[in-house]
Protein backbone atom coordinates (compact mmCIF):
# COMPACT_ATOMS: atom_id res chain seq x y z
CA MET A 1 -9.25 8.86 -21.16
CA GLN A 2 -6.28 9.40 -19.52
CA ARG A 3 -8.28 9.96 -16.15
CA PHE A 4 -9.34 5.72 -16.50
CA LEU A 5 -5.69 5.37 -17.24
CA ILE A 6 -4.56 6.60 -14.48
CA GLN A 7 -6.80 5.49 -12.06
CA CYS A 8 -6.30 1.91 -13.37
CA VAL A 9 -2.45 2.14 -13.03
CA ASN A 10 -2.56 3.43 -9.10
CA CYS A 11 -5.27 0.27 -8.60
CA VAL A 12 -3.16 -2.26 -9.78
CA LEU A 13 -0.08 -0.74 -7.98
CA LEU A 14 -2.26 -0.96 -5.04
CA ALA A 15 -3.30 -4.38 -5.87
CA ILE A 16 1.06 -5.26 -6.25
CA ILE A 17 1.64 -3.59 -3.15
CA PHE A 18 -0.86 -5.33 -1.03
CA PHE A 19 -1.62 -8.63 -2.43
CA GLY A 20 1.47 -9.44 -4.77
CA ILE A 21 4.41 -8.80 -2.48
CA PRO A 22 2.64 -10.34 0.65
CA ALA A 23 1.73 -13.28 -2.05
CA VAL A 24 5.30 -13.46 -3.70
CA THR A 25 6.54 -12.94 0.01
CA GLY A 26 4.91 -15.96 1.52
CA VAL A 27 5.62 -18.44 -0.98
CA GLN A 28 7.65 -21.34 1.03
CA PHE A 29 8.78 -25.00 -0.32
CA GLY A 30 8.58 -26.94 2.54
CA ASP A 31 10.02 -25.52 6.01
CA TRP A 32 11.94 -23.08 3.45
CA GLN A 33 10.72 -19.64 3.24
CA ILE A 34 12.11 -17.09 0.20
CA PHE A 35 11.60 -13.84 1.68
CA ALA A 36 12.25 -12.96 5.42
CA LEU A 37 9.38 -11.11 7.16
CA PRO A 38 11.61 -7.50 7.67
CA GLN A 39 12.03 -7.92 3.68
CA ALA A 40 8.73 -7.96 2.48
CA ARG A 41 7.83 -5.04 4.87
CA ARG A 42 10.67 -3.11 3.02
CA LEU A 43 9.24 -3.79 -0.34
CA MET A 44 6.10 -2.75 0.96
CA LEU A 45 7.60 0.31 2.25
CA TRP A 46 9.86 0.52 -1.31
CA GLY A 47 6.70 0.13 -3.15
CA LEU A 48 4.57 2.89 -1.63
CA ALA A 49 7.05 5.08 -1.73
CA LEU A 50 7.64 4.92 -5.39
CA ALA A 51 4.18 5.04 -6.20
CA VAL A 52 4.27 8.65 -4.05
CA ALA A 53 7.38 9.38 -6.63
CA GLY A 54 5.79 8.23 -9.66
CA ASN A 55 2.33 10.13 -8.96
CA ALA A 56 4.11 13.40 -8.22
CA VAL A 57 6.04 13.07 -11.39
CA ALA A 58 3.31 12.36 -12.97
CA ALA A 59 1.39 15.35 -11.90
CA LEU A 60 4.24 17.90 -11.99
CA GLY A 61 5.25 17.15 -14.88
CA LEU A 62 3.66 14.40 -17.31
CA ILE A 63 0.29 15.14 -16.87
CA LYS A 64 -1.07 18.79 -18.30
CA GLY A 65 -5.12 18.39 -17.68
CA ARG A 66 -6.03 20.10 -14.71
CA LYS A 67 -8.26 17.08 -13.74
CA GLU A 68 -5.74 14.73 -14.43
CA ARG A 69 -2.87 16.63 -12.59
CA LYS A 70 -5.17 17.04 -9.26
CA LEU A 71 -6.05 13.00 -9.94
CA CYS A 72 -2.35 12.53 -9.30
CA TRP A 73 -2.24 14.10 -6.23
CA GLU A 74 -5.34 12.90 -4.79
CA TRP A 75 -3.52 9.44 -5.46
CA THR A 76 -0.22 10.83 -4.01
CA ALA A 77 -1.91 11.65 -1.15
CA VAL A 78 -3.54 8.10 -0.39
CA PHE A 79 -0.21 6.51 -1.25
CA ILE A 80 1.42 9.50 1.52
CA GLY A 81 -1.39 8.15 3.70
CA LEU A 82 -0.18 4.37 3.24
CA LEU A 83 3.11 5.05 3.72
CA PHE A 84 2.50 6.71 6.96
CA VAL A 85 0.14 4.21 7.77
CA GLN A 86 2.53 0.83 7.07
CA TYR A 87 5.19 3.01 8.46
CA ALA A 88 3.91 3.50 11.80
CA TYR A 89 2.49 0.23 12.64
CA LEU A 90 6.03 -0.87 11.69
CA ARG A 91 7.41 1.01 14.30
CA GLY A 92 4.99 0.20 16.67
CA TYR A 93 3.08 3.52 17.14
CA PHE A 94 -0.22 1.94 17.16
CA ASN A 95 -1.26 -1.82 16.61
CA PHE A 96 -4.95 -3.57 16.39
CA ASN A 97 -5.16 -5.58 19.56
CA TRP A 98 -8.06 -3.59 20.47
CA LEU A 99 -9.95 -4.56 17.00
CA LYS A 100 -9.01 -7.89 17.69
CA GLN A 101 -10.23 -7.72 21.27
CA THR A 102 -13.37 -6.13 20.03
CA LEU A 103 -14.18 -9.37 17.32
CA LEU A 104 -13.26 -12.19 19.85
CA TRP A 105 -15.53 -10.10 22.54
CA PHE A 106 -18.37 -10.26 19.77
CA GLN A 107 -17.72 -14.25 19.10
CA LYS A 108 -17.83 -14.63 22.53
CA HIS A 109 -21.60 -12.99 23.29
CA LEU A 110 -23.08 -13.37 19.71
């Protein structure tokens, strides 16, 4: 039951970070946008960092079972990976222009 709870909490965190934050920060009233884009990106980075910290704290002290602790460490690794990808994308270390070009090529030739 505890593993199911860990899975549910982390899936909800993923949904909030990757769907909720962009949805909330993208709200507009006429020509006025509530949040600026850099602030939305900062919120996503902080959300990922808090998810990493929460899973690490749970694995280090709150969770007693071996399987549950391993599951928390796996989620910590997932959130660290997502944090790295998000940070690298925002810093311009990689982009998805190759994917855009590939999809446009397929659209043109199919």
